[in-house]
Amino acid sequence: MNKSDLSEELAKRAKITKKLANQVITLFTDIVREKVNEGEKVTIVGFGTFKAKHRKPKAVRNPRTEKRMIIPASRVPVFTVGKLFKEEVNNKFLHNQNETREQEKIE
């Protein structure tokens, strides 16, 4: 699902125009980006948390040339899945897995 598909689904469910739905999604992502860049966490209970994580510099070796190099420190965006969302996805997976096993027994 891409942004256009998400806008369409949001428009249907919220009974708003696709244009307005697209604006809402754009505003949401802009706000999350802004706040994470400012060092804040953005938490949506039951869904997950967006935040920036600091990565330390790291010494690595190029496997082709054997040359050692340093990857500099950086900040990267991270999304941590919320407990409820994780459980929903896992329960759906387990349910589908059990259905598949039942079908295999029938065949």
PDB file of N, CA and C in Angstrom:
ATOM      1  N   MET A   1       0.858  -1.174   0.000  1.00  0.00           N
ATOM      2  CA  MET A   1       0.000   0.000   0.000  1.00  0.00           C
ATOM      3  C   MET A   1       0.899   1.231   0.000  1.00  0.00           C
ATOM      4  N   ASN A   2       0.663   2.136  -0.919  1.00  0.00           N
ATOM      5  CA  ASN A   2       1.432   3.378  -0.966  1.00  0.00           C
ATOM      6  C   ASN A   2       0.581   4.539  -0.431  1.00  0.00           C
ATOM      7  N   LYS A   3       1.143   5.751  -0.485  1.00  0.00           N
ATOM      8  CA  LYS A   3       0.448   6.915   0.076  1.00  0.00           C
ATOM      9  C   LYS A   3      -0.888   7.164  -0.616  1.00  0.00           C
ATOM     10  N   SER A   4      -0.933   6.980  -1.925  1.00  0.00           N
ATOM     11  CA  SER A   4      -2.169   7.196  -2.674  1.00  0.00           C
ATOM     12  C   SER A   4      -3.251   6.202  -2.237  1.00  0.00           C
ATOM     13  N   ASP A   5      -2.863   4.940  -2.083  1.00  0.00           N
ATOM     14  CA  ASP A   5      -3.808   3.915  -1.621  1.00  0.00           C
ATOM     15  C   ASP A   5      -4.296   4.228  -0.210  1.00  0.00           C
ATOM     16  N   LEU A   6      -3.370   4.661   0.644  1.00  0.00           N
ATOM     17  CA  LEU A   6      -3.725   5.006   2.021  1.00  0.00           C
ATOM     18  C   LEU A   6      -4.688   6.193   2.044  1.00  0.00           C
ATOM     19  N   SER A   7      -4.439   7.190   1.206  1.00  0.00           N
ATOM     20  CA  SER A   7      -5.332   8.356   1.115  1.00  0.00           C
ATOM     21  C   SER A   7      -6.734   7.932   0.706  1.00  0.00           C
ATOM     22  N   GLU A   8      -6.794   7.035  -0.261  1.00  0.00           N
ATOM     23  CA  GLU A   8      -8.087   6.550  -0.743  1.00  0.00           C
ATOM     24  C   GLU A   8      -8.842   5.812   0.363  1.00  0.00           C
ATOM     25  N   GLU A   9      -8.139   4.942   1.088  1.00  0.00           N
ATOM     26  CA  GLU A   9      -8.763   4.179   2.176  1.00  0.00           C
ATOM     27  C   GLU A   9      -9.220   5.111   3.300  1.00  0.00           C
ATOM     28  N   LEU A  10      -8.384   6.074   3.659  1.00  0.00           N
ATOM     29  CA  LEU A  10      -8.737   7.047   4.695  1.00  0.00           C
ATOM     30  C   LEU A  10      -9.955   7.862   4.268  1.00  0.00           C
ATOM     31  N   ALA A  11      -9.978   8.284   3.018  1.00  0.00           N
ATOM     32  CA  ALA A  11     -11.108   9.065   2.497  1.00  0.00           C
ATOM     33  C   ALA A  11     -12.412   8.278   2.605  1.00  0.00           C
ATOM     34  N   LYS A  12     -12.367   7.003   2.232  1.00  0.00           N
ATOM     35  CA  LYS A  12     -13.571   6.158   2.308  1.00  0.00           C
ATOM     36  C   LYS A  12     -14.056   6.015   3.741  1.00  0.00           C
ATOM     37  N   ARG A  13     -13.136   5.653   4.637  1.00  0.00           N
ATOM     38  CA  ARG A  13     -13.528   5.377   6.027  1.00  0.00           C
ATOM     39  C   ARG A  13     -13.970   6.627   6.778  1.00  0.00           C
ATOM     40  N   ALA A  14     -13.318   7.758   6.517  1.00  0.00           N
ATOM     41  CA  ALA A  14     -13.644   9.000   7.230  1.00  0.00           C
ATOM     42  C   ALA A  14     -14.704   9.823   6.501  1.00  0.00           C
ATOM     43  N   LYS A  15     -15.110   9.333   5.315  1.00  0.00           N
ATOM     44  CA  LYS A  15     -16.101  10.035   4.495  1.00  0.00           C
ATOM     45  C   LYS A  15     -15.652  11.473   4.214  1.00  0.00           C
ATOM     46  N   ILE A  16     -14.397  11.594   3.749  1.00  0.00           N
ATOM     47  CA  ILE A  16     -13.836  12.885   3.353  1.00  0.00           C
ATOM     48  C   ILE A  16     -13.281  12.738   1.938  1.00  0.00           C
ATOM     49  N   THR A  17     -12.884  13.857   1.348  1.00  0.00           N
ATOM     50  CA  THR A  17     -12.336  13.778  -0.006  1.00  0.00           C
ATOM     51  C   THR A  17     -10.938  13.163   0.037  1.00  0.00           C
ATOM     52  N   LYS A  18     -10.542  12.599  -1.095  1.00  0.00           N
ATOM     53  CA  LYS A  18      -9.208  12.015  -1.186  1.00  0.00           C
ATOM     54  C   LYS A  18      -8.148  13.106  -1.029  1.00  0.00           C
ATOM     55  N   LYS A  19      -8.441  14.297  -1.540  1.00  0.00           N
ATOM     56  CA  LYS A  19      -7.510  15.424  -1.426  1.00  0.00           C
ATOM     57  C   LYS A  19      -7.276  15.779   0.041  1.00  0.00           C
ATOM     58  N   LEU A  20      -8.361  15.849   0.820  1.00  0.00           N
ATOM     59  CA  LEU A  20      -8.235  16.162   2.244  1.00  0.00           C
ATOM     60  C   LEU A  20      -7.488  15.042   2.971  1.00  0.00           C
ATOM     61  N   ALA A  21      -7.792  13.803   2.634  1.00  0.00           N
ATOM     62  CA  ALA A  21      -7.108  12.663   3.249  1.00  0.00           C
ATOM     63  C   ALA A  21      -5.608  12.732   2.973  1.00  0.00           C
ATOM     64  N   ASN A  22      -5.246  13.075   1.747  1.00  0.00           N
ATOM     65  CA  ASN A  22      -3.836  13.198   1.374  1.00  0.00           C
ATOM     66  C   ASN A  22      -3.158  14.307   2.180  1.00  0.00           C
ATOM     67  N   GLN A  23      -3.875  15.422   2.387  1.00  0.00           N
ATOM     68  CA  GLN A  23      -3.329  16.531   3.182  1.00  0.00           C
ATOM     69  C   GLN A  23      -3.108  16.108   4.634  1.00  0.00           C
ATOM     70  N   VAL A  24      -4.042  15.338   5.181  1.00  0.00           N
ATOM     71  CA  VAL A  24      -3.923  14.860   6.564  1.00  0.00           C
ATOM     72  C   VAL A  24      -2.688  13.968   6.704  1.00  0.00           C
ATOM     73  N   ILE A  25      -2.507  13.054   5.770  1.00  0.00           N
ATOM     74  CA  ILE A  25      -1.350  12.153   5.815  1.00  0.00           C
ATOM     75  C   ILE A  25      -0.052  12.947   5.680  1.00  0.00           C
ATOM     76  N   THR A  26      -0.027  13.913   4.775  1.00  0.00           N
ATOM     77  CA  THR A  26       1.167  14.748   4.586  1.00  0.00           C
ATOM     78  C   THR A  26       1.482  15.533   5.855  1.00  0.00           C
ATOM     79  N   LEU A  27       0.461  16.126   6.468  1.00  0.00           N
ATOM     80  CA  LEU A  27       0.669  16.863   7.721  1.00  0.00           C
ATOM     81  C   LEU A  27       1.185  15.943   8.822  1.00  0.00           C
ATOM     82  N   PHE A  28       0.608  14.761   8.931  1.00  0.00           N
ATOM     83  CA  PHE A  28       1.037  13.798   9.945  1.00  0.00           C
ATOM     84  C   PHE A  28       2.519  13.464   9.779  1.00  0.00           C
ATOM     85  N   THR A  29       2.918  13.101   8.557  1.00  0.00           N
ATOM     86  CA  THR A  29       4.320  12.724   8.334  1.00  0.00           C
ATOM     87  C   THR A  29       5.251  13.921   8.533  1.00  0.00           C
ATOM     88  N   ASP A  30       4.808  15.117   8.147  1.00  0.00           N
ATOM     89  CA  ASP A  30       5.629  16.318   8.358  1.00  0.00           C
ATOM     90  C   ASP A  30       5.854  16.571   9.848  1.00  0.00           C
ATOM     91  N   ILE A  31       4.799  16.452  10.640  1.00  0.00           N
ATOM     92  CA  ILE A  31       4.900  16.684  12.085  1.00  0.00           C
ATOM     93  C   ILE A  31       5.808  15.642  12.730  1.00  0.00           C
ATOM     94  N   VAL A  32       5.642  14.377  12.367  1.00  0.00           N
ATOM     95  CA  VAL A  32       6.491  13.317  12.924  1.00  0.00           C
ATOM     96  C   VAL A  32       7.953  13.605  12.580  1.00  0.00           C
ATOM     97  N   ARG A  33       8.230  13.927  11.311  1.00  0.00           N
ATOM     98  CA  ARG A  33       9.604  14.235  10.888  1.00  0.00           C
ATOM     99  C   ARG A  33      10.192  15.398  11.689  1.00  0.00           C
ATOM    100  N   GLU A  34       9.402  16.467  11.814  1.00  0.00           N
ATOM    101  CA  GLU A  34       9.833  17.659  12.562  1.00  0.00           C
ATOM    102  C   GLU A  34      10.200  17.320  13.995  1.00  0.00           C
ATOM    103  N   LYS A  35       9.294  16.655  14.679  1.00  0.00           N
ATOM    104  CA  LYS A  35       9.492  16.352  16.099  1.00  0.00           C
ATOM    105  C   LYS A  35      10.670  15.404  16.314  1.00  0.00           C
ATOM    106  N   VAL A  36      10.813  14.395  15.470  1.00  0.00           N
ATOM    107  CA  VAL A  36      11.942  13.462  15.588  1.00  0.00           C
ATOM    108  C   VAL A  36      13.252  14.206  15.328  1.00  0.00           C
ATOM    109  N   ASN A  37      13.268  15.102  14.334  1.00  0.00           N
ATOM    110  CA  ASN A  37      14.467  15.912  14.060  1.00  0.00           C
ATOM    111  C   ASN A  37      14.826  16.825  15.224  1.00  0.00           C
ATOM    112  N   GLU A  38      13.820  17.229  16.003  1.00  0.00           N
ATOM    113  CA  GLU A  38      14.052  18.076  17.179  1.00  0.00           C
ATOM    114  C   GLU A  38      14.457  17.249  18.399  1.00  0.00           C
ATOM    115  N   GLY A  39      14.532  15.935  18.240  1.00  0.00           N
ATOM    116  CA  GLY A  39      14.948  15.067  19.342  1.00  0.00           C
ATOM    117  C   GLY A  39      13.810  14.534  20.186  1.00  0.00           C
ATOM    118  N   GLU A  40      12.579  14.794  19.777  1.00  0.00           N
ATOM    119  CA  GLU A  40      11.420  14.305  20.534  1.00  0.00           C
ATOM    120  C   GLU A  40      10.998  12.920  20.060  1.00  0.00           C
ATOM    121  N   LYS A  41      10.312  12.208  20.952  1.00  0.00           N
ATOM    122  CA  LYS A  41       9.682  10.937  20.585  1.00  0.00           C
ATOM    123  C   LYS A  41       8.237  11.230  20.234  1.00  0.00           C
ATOM    124  N   VAL A  42       7.717  10.529  19.245  1.00  0.00           N
ATOM    125  CA  VAL A  42       6.301  10.637  18.901  1.00  0.00           C
ATOM    126  C   VAL A  42       5.704   9.256  19.140  1.00  0.00           C
ATOM    127  N   THR A  43       4.841   9.155  20.155  1.00  0.00           N
ATOM    128  CA  THR A  43       4.264   7.870  20.534  1.00  0.00           C
ATOM    129  C   THR A  43       2.777   7.856  20.244  1.00  0.00           C
ATOM    130  N   ILE A  44       2.341   6.824  19.546  1.00  0.00           N
ATOM    131  CA  ILE A  44       0.921   6.588  19.318  1.00  0.00           C
ATOM    132  C   ILE A  44       0.627   5.273  20.035  1.00  0.00           C
ATOM    133  N   VAL A  45      -0.018   5.383  21.202  1.00  0.00           N
ATOM    134  CA  VAL A  45      -0.250   4.220  22.056  1.00  0.00           C
ATOM    135  C   VAL A  45      -0.962   3.123  21.276  1.00  0.00           C
ATOM    136  N   GLY A  46      -0.446   1.920  21.381  1.00  0.00           N
ATOM    137  CA  GLY A  46      -1.027   0.770  20.693  1.00  0.00           C
ATOM    138  C   GLY A  46      -0.507   0.595  19.278  1.00  0.00           C
ATOM    139  N   PHE A  47       0.164   1.612  18.738  1.00  0.00           N
ATOM    140  CA  PHE A  47       0.686   1.540  17.372  1.00  0.00           C
ATOM    141  C   PHE A  47       2.206   1.493  17.364  1.00  0.00           C
ATOM    142  N   GLY A  48       2.839   2.512  17.958  1.00  0.00           N
ATOM    143  CA  GLY A  48       4.294   2.509  18.001  1.00  0.00           C
ATOM    144  C   GLY A  48       4.883   3.871  18.315  1.00  0.00           C
ATOM    145  N   THR A  49       6.225   3.925  18.299  1.00  0.00           N
ATOM    146  CA  THR A  49       6.957   5.138  18.640  1.00  0.00           C
ATOM    147  C   THR A  49       7.990   5.456  17.566  1.00  0.00           C
ATOM    148  N   PHE A  50       8.004   6.712  17.149  1.00  0.00           N
ATOM    149  CA  PHE A  50       9.009   7.220  16.223  1.00  0.00           C
ATOM    150  C   PHE A  50      10.028   7.996  17.052  1.00  0.00           C
ATOM    151  N   LYS A  51      11.322   7.786  16.796  1.00  0.00           N
ATOM    152  CA  LYS A  51      12.354   8.548  17.498  1.00  0.00           C
ATOM    153  C   LYS A  51      13.649   8.506  16.697  1.00  0.00           C
ATOM    154  N   ALA A  52      14.610   9.337  17.110  1.00  0.00           N
ATOM    155  CA  ALA A  52      15.930   9.326  16.483  1.00  0.00           C
ATOM    156  C   ALA A  52      16.878   8.567  17.402  1.00  0.00           C
ATOM    157  N   LYS A  53      17.767   7.799  16.805  1.00  0.00           N
ATOM    158  CA  LYS A  53      18.728   7.022  17.575  1.00  0.00           C
ATOM    159  C   LYS A  53      20.135   7.426  17.143  1.00  0.00           C
ATOM    160  N   HIS A  54      21.016   7.569  18.112  1.00  0.00           N
ATOM    161  CA  HIS A  54      22.404   7.924  17.821  1.00  0.00           C
ATOM    162  C   HIS A  54      23.196   6.640  17.567  1.00  0.00           C
ATOM    163  N   ARG A  55      23.901   6.609  16.455  1.00  0.00           N
ATOM    164  CA  ARG A  55      24.797   5.480  16.167  1.00  0.00           C
ATOM    165  C   ARG A  55      26.231   5.933  16.378  1.00  0.00           C
ATOM    166  N   LYS A  56      26.988   5.136  17.112  1.00  0.00           N
ATOM    167  CA  LYS A  56      28.393   5.443  17.370  1.00  0.00           C
ATOM    168  C   LYS A  56      29.214   5.200  16.108  1.00  0.00           C
ATOM    169  N   PRO A  57      30.397   5.821  16.030  1.00  0.00           N
ATOM    170  CA  PRO A  57      31.275   5.513  14.896  1.00  0.00           C
ATOM    171  C   PRO A  57      31.678   4.041  14.960  1.00  0.00           C
ATOM    172  N   LYS A  58      31.922   3.466  13.807  1.00  0.00           N
ATOM    173  CA  LYS A  58      32.164   2.027  13.762  1.00  0.00           C
ATOM    174  C   LYS A  58      33.335   1.728  12.819  1.00  0.00           C
ATOM    175  N   ALA A  59      34.271   0.897  13.291  1.00  0.00           N
ATOM    176  CA  ALA A  59      35.397   0.474  12.455  1.00  0.00           C
ATOM    177  C   ALA A  59      34.962  -0.752  11.653  1.00  0.00           C
ATOM    178  N   VAL A  60      35.165  -0.696  10.345  1.00  0.00           N
ATOM    179  CA  VAL A  60      34.796  -1.815   9.468  1.00  0.00           C
ATOM    180  C   VAL A  60      35.948  -2.121   8.510  1.00  0.00           C
ATOM    181  N   ARG A  61      35.827  -3.252   7.826  1.00  0.00           N
ATOM    182  CA  ARG A  61      36.840  -3.656   6.863  1.00  0.00           C
ATOM    183  C   ARG A  61      36.160  -3.963   5.547  1.00  0.00           C
ATOM    184  N   ASN A  62      36.694  -3.403   4.466  1.00  0.00           N
ATOM    185  CA  ASN A  62      36.178  -3.685   3.131  1.00  0.00           C
ATOM    186  C   ASN A  62      36.613  -5.103   2.765  1.00  0.00           C
ATOM    187  N   PRO A  63      35.690  -6.033   2.517  1.00  0.00           N
ATOM    188  CA  PRO A  63      36.072  -7.421   2.235  1.00  0.00           C
ATOM    189  C   PRO A  63      36.882  -7.590   0.942  1.00  0.00           C
ATOM    190  N   ARG A  64      36.708  -6.699  -0.016  1.00  0.00           N
ATOM    191  CA  ARG A  64      37.450  -6.807  -1.279  1.00  0.00           C
ATOM    192  C   ARG A  64      38.896  -6.349  -1.152  1.00  0.00           C
ATOM    193  N   THR A  65      39.064  -5.196  -0.496  1.00  0.00           N
ATOM    194  CA  THR A  65      40.407  -4.597  -0.446  1.00  0.00           C
ATOM    195  C   THR A  65      41.116  -4.841   0.876  1.00  0.00           C
ATOM    196  N   GLU A  66      40.389  -5.354   1.867  1.00  0.00           N
ATOM    197  CA  GLU A  66      40.913  -5.556   3.227  1.00  0.00           C
ATOM    198  C   GLU A  66      41.239  -4.231   3.925  1.00  0.00           C
ATOM    199  N   LYS A  67      40.904  -3.123   3.291  1.00  0.00           N
ATOM    200  CA  LYS A  67      41.194  -1.809   3.863  1.00  0.00           C
ATOM    201  C   LYS A  67      40.232  -1.514   5.015  1.00  0.00           C
ATOM    202  N   ARG A  68      40.789  -1.038   6.124  1.00  0.00           N
ATOM    203  CA  ARG A  68      39.966  -0.676   7.285  1.00  0.00           C
ATOM    204  C   ARG A  68      39.495   0.765   7.124  1.00  0.00           C
ATOM    205  N   MET A  69      38.283   1.013   7.557  1.00  0.00           N
ATOM    206  CA  MET A  69      37.740   2.363   7.478  1.00  0.00           C
ATOM    207  C   MET A  69      36.803   2.601   8.652  1.00  0.00           C
ATOM    208  N   ILE A  70      36.482   3.848   8.886  1.00  0.00           N
ATOM    209  CA  ILE A  70      35.587   4.228   9.983  1.00  0.00           C
ATOM    210  C   ILE A  70      34.295   4.784   9.393  1.00  0.00           C
ATOM    211  N   ILE A  71      33.189   4.213   9.830  1.00  0.00           N
ATOM    212  CA  ILE A  71      31.882   4.777   9.485  1.00  0.00           C
ATOM    213  C   ILE A  71      31.582   5.808  10.572  1.00  0.00           C
ATOM    214  N   PRO A  72      31.370   7.066  10.193  1.00  0.00           N
ATOM    215  CA  PRO A  72      31.184   8.117  11.204  1.00  0.00           C
ATOM    216  C   PRO A  72      29.882   7.951  11.996  1.00  0.00           C
ATOM    217  N   ALA A  73      29.836   8.602  13.146  1.00  0.00           N
ATOM    218  CA  ALA A  73      28.627   8.610  13.974  1.00  0.00           C
ATOM    219  C   ALA A  73      27.497   9.264  13.184  1.00  0.00           C
ATOM    220  N   SER A  74      26.275   8.844  13.485  1.00  0.00           N
ATOM    221  CA  SER A  74      25.124   9.423  12.793  1.00  0.00           C
ATOM    222  C   SER A  74      23.873   9.292  13.651  1.00  0.00           C
ATOM    223  N   ARG A  75      22.848  10.018  13.250  1.00  0.00           N
ATOM    224  CA  ARG A  75      21.520   9.881  13.860  1.00  0.00           C
ATOM    225  C   ARG A  75      20.606   9.284  12.812  1.00  0.00           C
ATOM    226  N   VAL A  76      19.834   8.285  13.200  1.00  0.00           N
ATOM    227  CA  VAL A  76      18.924   7.633  12.258  1.00  0.00           C
ATOM    228  C   VAL A  76      17.520   7.577  12.851  1.00  0.00           C
ATOM    229  N   PRO A  77      16.498   7.687  12.001  1.00  0.00           N
ATOM    230  CA  PRO A  77      15.130   7.546  12.507  1.00  0.00           C
ATOM    231  C   PRO A  77      14.827   6.074  12.782  1.00  0.00           C
ATOM    232  N   VAL A  78      14.071   5.842  13.853  1.00  0.00           N
ATOM    233  CA  VAL A  78      13.718   4.480  14.256  1.00  0.00           C
ATOM    234  C   VAL A  78      12.225   4.439  14.575  1.00  0.00           C
ATOM    235  N   PHE A  79      11.577   3.343  14.180  1.00  0.00           N
ATOM    236  CA  PHE A  79      10.181   3.120  14.561  1.00  0.00           C
ATOM    237  C   PHE A  79      10.133   1.846  15.379  1.00  0.00           C
ATOM    238  N   THR A  80       9.590   1.934  16.592  1.00  0.00           N
ATOM    239  CA  THR A  80       9.428   0.768  17.450  1.00  0.00           C
ATOM    240  C   THR A  80       7.943   0.421  17.483  1.00  0.00           C
ATOM    241  N   VAL A  81       7.627  -0.794  17.104  1.00  0.00           N
ATOM    242  CA  VAL A  81       6.230  -1.236  17.034  1.00  0.00           C
ATOM    243  C   VAL A  81       5.648  -1.351  18.440  1.00  0.00           C
ATOM    244  N   GLY A  82       4.417  -0.870  18.610  1.00  0.00           N
ATOM    245  CA  GLY A  82       3.726  -0.964  19.888  1.00  0.00           C
ATOM    246  C   GLY A  82       3.284  -2.391  20.177  1.00  0.00           C
ATOM    247  N   LYS A  83       3.129  -2.691  21.450  1.00  0.00           N
ATOM    248  CA  LYS A  83       2.775  -4.038  21.900  1.00  0.00           C
ATOM    249  C   LYS A  83       1.471  -4.530  21.271  1.00  0.00           C
ATOM    250  N   LEU A  84       0.437  -3.713  21.290  1.00  0.00           N
ATOM    251  CA  LEU A  84      -0.869  -4.112  20.760  1.00  0.00           C
ATOM    252  C   LEU A  84      -0.787  -4.428  19.270  1.00  0.00           C
ATOM    253  N   PHE A  85      -0.117  -3.567  18.508  1.00  0.00           N
ATOM    254  CA  PHE A  85       0.040  -3.770  17.064  1.00  0.00           C
ATOM    255  C   PHE A  85       0.809  -5.066  16.795  1.00  0.00           C
ATOM    256  N   LYS A  86       1.884  -5.274  17.541  1.00  0.00           N
ATOM    257  CA  LYS A  86       2.700  -6.474  17.380  1.00  0.00           C
ATOM    258  C   LYS A  86       1.867  -7.733  17.667  1.00  0.00           C
ATOM    259  N   GLU A  87       1.069  -7.687  18.734  1.00  0.00           N
ATOM    260  CA  GLU A  87       0.225  -8.831  19.095  1.00  0.00           C
ATOM    261  C   GLU A  87      -0.829  -9.103  18.025  1.00  0.00           C
ATOM    262  N   GLU A  88      -1.439  -8.035  17.483  1.00  0.00           N
ATOM    263  CA  GLU A  88      -2.448  -8.214  16.430  1.00  0.00           C
ATOM    264  C   GLU A  88      -1.857  -8.902  15.204  1.00  0.00           C
ATOM    265  N   VAL A  89      -0.678  -8.452  14.784  1.00  0.00           N
ATOM    266  CA  VAL A  89      -0.024  -9.040  13.611  1.00  0.00           C
ATOM    267  C   VAL A  89       0.329 -10.495  13.885  1.00  0.00           C
ATOM    268  N   ASN A  90       0.865 -10.781  15.071  1.00  0.00           N
ATOM    269  CA  ASN A  90       1.246 -12.147  15.407  1.00  0.00           C
ATOM    270  C   ASN A  90       0.027 -13.057  15.513  1.00  0.00           C
ATOM    271  N   ASN A  91      -1.055 -12.568  16.121  1.00  0.00           N
ATOM    272  CA  ASN A  91      -2.268 -13.380  16.239  1.00  0.00           C
ATOM    273  C   ASN A  91      -2.848 -13.705  14.872  1.00  0.00           C
ATOM    274  N   LYS A  92      -2.832 -12.746  13.956  1.00  0.00           N
ATOM    275  CA  LYS A  92      -3.317 -12.974  12.588  1.00  0.00           C
ATOM    276  C   LYS A  92      -2.448 -14.028  11.906  1.00  0.00           C
ATOM    277  N   PHE A  93      -1.125 -13.938  12.096  1.00  0.00           N
ATOM    278  CA  PHE A  93      -0.196 -14.907  11.522  1.00  0.00           C
ATOM    279  C   PHE A  93      -0.483 -16.304  12.069  1.00  0.00           C
ATOM    280  N   LEU A  94      -0.641 -16.417  13.389  1.00  0.00           N
ATOM    281  CA  LEU A  94      -0.899 -17.723  14.004  1.00  0.00           C
ATOM    282  C   LEU A  94      -2.233 -18.293  13.544  1.00  0.00           C
ATOM    283  N   HIS A  95      -3.242 -17.428  13.413  1.00  0.00           N
ATOM    284  CA  HIS A  95      -4.558 -17.859  12.944  1.00  0.00           C
ATOM    285  C   HIS A  95      -4.453 -18.420  11.523  1.00  0.00           C
ATOM    286  N   ASN A  96      -3.747 -17.695  10.639  1.00  0.00           N
ATOM    287  CA  ASN A  96      -3.574 -18.154   9.252  1.00  0.00           C
ATOM    288  C   ASN A  96      -2.779 -19.448   9.191  1.00  0.00           C
ATOM    289  N   GLN A  97      -1.786 -19.573  10.059  1.00  0.00           N
ATOM    290  CA  GLN A  97      -0.966 -20.780  10.095  1.00  0.00           C
ATOM    291  C   GLN A  97      -1.818 -21.985  10.507  1.00  0.00           C
ATOM    292  N   ASN A  98      -2.689 -21.797  11.496  1.00  0.00           N
ATOM    293  CA  ASN A  98      -3.566 -22.879  11.950  1.00  0.00           C
ATOM    294  C   ASN A  98      -4.560 -23.277  10.863  1.00  0.00           C
ATOM    295  N   GLU A  99      -5.093 -22.280  10.127  1.00  0.00           N
ATOM    296  CA  GLU A  99      -6.012 -22.585   9.029  1.00  0.00           C
ATOM    297  C   GLU A  99      -5.319 -23.413   7.956  1.00  0.00           C
ATOM    298  N   THR A 100      -4.074 -23.074   7.649  1.00  0.00           N
ATOM    299  CA  THR A 100      -3.309 -23.809   6.642  1.00  0.00           C
ATOM    300  C   THR A 100      -3.116 -25.253   7.083  1.00  0.00           C
ATOM    301  N   ARG A 101      -2.801 -25.463   8.345  1.00  0.00           N
ATOM    302  CA  ARG A 101      -2.617 -26.828   8.869  1.00  0.00           C
ATOM    303  C   ARG A 101      -3.911 -27.630   8.773  1.00  0.00           C
ATOM    304  N   GLU A 102      -5.035 -26.972   9.093  1.00  0.00           N
ATOM    305  CA  GLU A 102      -6.331 -27.652   9.018  1.00  0.00           C
ATOM    306  C   GLU A 102      -6.640 -28.063   7.580  1.00  0.00           C
ATOM    307  N   GLN A 103      -6.350 -27.190   6.621  1.00  0.00           N
ATOM    308  CA  GLN A 103      -6.583 -27.512   5.210  1.00  0.00           C
ATOM    309  C   GLN A 103      -5.699 -28.665   4.759  1.00  0.00           C
ATOM    310  N   GLU A 104      -4.460 -28.709   5.245  1.00  0.00           N
ATOM    311  CA  GLU A 104      -3.544 -29.790   4.874  1.00  0.00           C
ATOM    312  C   GLU A 104      -4.050 -31.128   5.406  1.00  0.00           C
ATOM    313  N   LYS A 105      -4.670 -31.125   6.592  1.00  0.00           N
ATOM    314  CA  LYS A 105      -5.218 -32.355   7.165  1.00  0.00           C
ATOM    315  C   LYS A 105      -6.383 -32.874   6.330  1.00  0.00           C
ATOM    316  N   ILE A 106      -7.201 -31.946   5.807  1.00  0.00           N
ATOM    317  CA  ILE A 106      -8.365 -32.314   5.000  1.00  0.00           C
ATOM    318  C   ILE A 106      -7.920 -32.940   3.691  1.00  0.00           C
ATOM    319  N   GLU A 107      -6.890 -32.389   3.082  1.00  0.00           N
ATOM    320  CA  GLU A 107      -6.406 -32.879   1.791  1.00  0.00           C
ATOM    321  C   GLU A 107      -5.670 -34.139   2.009  1.00  0.00           C
TER     322      GLU A 107
END
